[in-house]
Amino acid sequence: MSYSDIILFSHPTFGVLGTMAALWVLVEALNASENNRVRTILASLAVTAFICFAAVAGGYWYVHYYAPEKALILAGPWPFAHDLVMETKEHLFFVPLILALYLPIVAARRLAQDRIARTVVIVVAGLIVLNGLAIEGAGAIINHGAKTALAHAAAKGS
């Protein structure tokens, strides 16, 4: 496995871990009590860490390795996988990143006593989960665009 493979695979792995951690925060906030306060804060910090790692790995991959794949996708039968899906993903990922940076701030409040803060945590964590799922789906479409382009190129060559 090459260095570029590690970067490529770490990006969605950290994204999924961040999404799962956000779901964890959401469940903890729905059941907020003094008994799970520390767990909620730790889970919110995990969301922040994983989403930040996903953003860094994805950005590094995009800058250093994506150009040939982009050209391949654009030349293939699914150019929308880049033109629409990747372009959307490039902008959409800022939403969960900003929310993940905010989540530990509001999760540190006493959620068992502060209904408004608990509601904010639930909404923010829920938005991270929904965005994370959408971004993972976008990544699958982009991946399929690259595979389709390779298969199309191979069929032309034979």
Protein backbone atom coordinates (compact mmCIF):
# COMPACT_ATOMS: atom_id res chain seq x y z
CA MET A 1 0.00 0.00 0.00
CA SER A 2 1.41 3.36 -1.03
CA TYR A 3 1.43 6.65 0.85
CA SER A 4 -1.23 8.03 -1.51
CA ASP A 5 -3.44 5.01 -0.78
CA ILE A 6 -3.16 5.64 2.94
CA ILE A 7 -4.17 9.29 2.44
CA LEU A 8 -7.01 8.28 0.11
CA PHE A 9 -8.43 5.65 2.48
CA SER A 10 -7.95 7.73 5.62
CA HIS A 11 -10.16 10.54 4.27
CA PRO A 12 -13.48 8.62 4.19
CA THR A 13 -12.48 6.57 7.23
CA PHE A 14 -12.10 9.69 9.37
CA GLY A 15 -15.29 11.10 7.83
CA VAL A 16 -17.28 8.00 8.79
CA LEU A 17 -15.78 7.97 12.29
CA GLY A 18 -16.72 11.65 12.68
CA THR A 19 -20.25 10.96 11.47
CA MET A 20 -20.60 8.01 13.86
CA ALA A 21 -19.25 10.10 16.73
CA ALA A 22 -21.82 12.80 15.90
CA LEU A 23 -24.55 10.18 16.11
CA TRP A 24 -23.11 9.17 19.49
CA VAL A 25 -23.31 12.81 20.66
CA LEU A 26 -26.89 13.03 19.43
CA VAL A 27 -27.92 9.95 21.42
CA GLU A 28 -26.08 11.18 24.53
CA ALA A 29 -27.80 14.58 24.23
CA LEU A 30 -31.22 12.96 23.83
CA ASN A 31 -30.51 11.20 27.15
CA ALA A 32 -28.67 14.09 28.80
CA SER A 33 -27.88 13.70 32.48
CA GLU A 34 -25.04 14.49 34.79
CA ASN A 35 -23.98 10.84 34.46
CA ASN A 36 -23.21 11.14 30.73
CA ARG A 37 -21.93 14.73 30.66
CA VAL A 38 -18.23 13.80 30.38
CA ARG A 39 -19.02 11.16 27.77
CA THR A 40 -20.95 13.71 25.71
CA ILE A 41 -18.06 16.18 25.84
CA LEU A 42 -15.51 13.49 24.90
CA ALA A 43 -17.69 12.32 22.01
CA SER A 44 -18.04 15.90 20.75
CA LEU A 45 -14.26 16.29 20.84
CA ALA A 46 -13.97 13.04 18.87
CA VAL A 47 -16.32 14.52 16.25
CA THR A 48 -14.11 17.58 15.97
CA ALA A 49 -10.90 15.56 15.69
CA PHE A 50 -12.23 13.07 13.14
CA ILE A 51 -13.90 15.69 10.92
CA CYS A 52 -10.74 17.83 11.00
CA PHE A 53 -8.58 14.81 10.11
CA ALA A 54 -10.98 13.97 7.25
CA ALA A 55 -10.76 17.54 5.95
CA VAL A 56 -6.96 17.59 6.09
CA ALA A 57 -6.60 14.18 4.44
CA GLY A 58 -9.15 15.04 1.75
CA GLY A 59 -7.57 18.40 1.07
CA TYR A 60 -4.10 16.87 0.85
CA TRP A 61 -5.36 14.17 -1.54
CA TYR A 62 -7.19 16.75 -3.68
CA VAL A 63 -4.17 19.04 -4.01
CA HIS A 64 -1.52 16.37 -4.57
CA TYR A 65 -3.25 13.41 -6.25
CA TYR A 66 -6.68 14.24 -7.66
CA ALA A 67 -5.75 15.97 -10.95
CA PRO A 68 -5.20 12.78 -13.00
CA GLU A 69 -8.37 11.24 -11.58
CA LYS A 70 -10.29 14.43 -12.37
CA ALA A 71 -9.09 14.33 -15.98
CA LEU A 72 -10.05 10.66 -16.21
CA ILE A 73 -13.54 11.30 -14.81
CA LEU A 74 -14.10 14.28 -17.12
CA ALA A 75 -13.09 12.19 -20.16
CA GLY A 76 -15.34 9.29 -19.13
CA PRO A 77 -19.07 8.68 -19.45
CA TRP A 78 -19.85 10.18 -16.02
CA PRO A 79 -18.28 13.67 -16.13
CA PHE A 80 -20.98 14.91 -13.75
CA ALA A 81 -19.23 12.86 -11.05
CA HIS A 82 -16.69 15.68 -11.00
CA ASP A 83 -18.58 18.63 -12.52
CA LEU A 84 -21.56 18.36 -10.19
CA VAL A 85 -20.80 15.93 -7.37
CA MET A 86 -17.16 16.76 -6.57
CA GLU A 87 -17.76 20.49 -6.98
CA THR A 88 -20.70 20.24 -4.57
CA LYS A 89 -18.72 18.08 -2.14
CA GLU A 90 -15.85 20.60 -2.15
CA HIS A 91 -18.21 23.23 -0.77
CA LEU A 92 -20.54 21.05 1.28
CA PHE A 93 -17.75 19.69 3.50
CA PHE A 94 -17.36 23.12 5.12
CA VAL A 95 -20.75 22.71 6.81
CA PRO A 96 -19.89 19.70 9.00
CA LEU A 97 -16.39 21.10 9.56
CA ILE A 98 -17.74 24.34 11.01
CA LEU A 99 -20.43 22.49 12.98
CA ALA A 100 -17.83 20.03 14.32
CA LEU A 101 -15.70 22.92 15.55
CA TYR A 102 -18.74 24.43 17.28
CA LEU A 103 -20.11 21.20 18.78
CA PRO A 104 -17.72 20.85 21.77
CA ILE A 105 -18.37 24.47 22.75
CA VAL A 106 -22.10 23.93 23.14
CA ALA A 107 -21.76 20.31 24.36
CA ALA A 108 -19.73 21.58 27.33
CA ARG A 109 -22.87 23.24 28.71
CA ARG A 110 -24.91 21.43 31.32
CA LEU A 111 -27.30 19.79 28.87
CA ALA A 112 -29.38 18.08 31.53
CA GLN A 113 -30.42 21.49 32.91
CA ASP A 114 -30.18 23.67 29.78
CA ARG A 115 -32.93 22.63 27.36
CA ILE A 116 -31.89 25.17 24.73
CA ALA A 117 -28.27 24.00 24.72
CA ARG A 118 -29.43 20.37 24.56
CA THR A 119 -31.62 21.21 21.55
CA VAL A 120 -28.72 22.98 19.85
CA VAL A 121 -26.45 19.96 20.41
CA ILE A 122 -29.09 17.63 18.99
CA VAL A 123 -29.61 19.81 15.92
CA VAL A 124 -25.88 20.38 15.31
CA ALA A 125 -25.03 16.69 15.76
CA GLY A 126 -27.95 15.72 13.53
CA LEU A 127 -26.81 18.11 10.81
CA ILE A 128 -23.30 16.64 10.99
CA VAL A 129 -24.73 13.14 10.60
CA LEU A 130 -26.91 14.12 7.62
CA ASN A 131 -24.10 16.04 5.93
CA GLY A 132 -21.66 13.21 6.63
CA LEU A 133 -23.98 10.70 4.98
CA ALA A 134 -24.49 12.98 1.97
CA ILE A 135 -20.74 13.53 1.61
CA GLU A 136 -20.05 9.77 1.87
CA GLY A 137 -22.63 9.19 -0.86
CA ALA A 138 -20.98 11.86 -3.00
CA GLY A 139 -17.63 10.14 -2.53
CA ALA A 140 -19.16 6.87 -3.74
CA ILE A 141 -20.47 8.59 -6.88
CA ILE A 142 -17.06 10.16 -7.56
CA ASN A 143 -15.38 6.79 -7.06
CA HIS A 144 -17.85 5.17 -9.44
CA GLY A 145 -17.21 7.95 -11.97
CA ALA A 146 -13.51 7.07 -11.91
CA LYS A 147 -14.21 3.32 -12.20
CA THR A 148 -16.64 3.90 -15.07
CA ALA A 149 -14.07 6.06 -16.86
CA LEU A 150 -11.41 3.36 -16.46
CA ALA A 151 -13.76 0.66 -17.73
CA HIS A 152 -14.76 2.88 -20.66
CA ALA A 153 -11.10 3.58 -21.51
CA ALA A 154 -10.27 -0.15 -21.27
CA ALA A 155 -13.18 -1.03 -23.57
CA LYS A 156 -12.02 1.52 -26.14
CA GLY A 157 -8.49 0.16 -26.00
CA SER A 158 -9.49 -3.43 -26.70
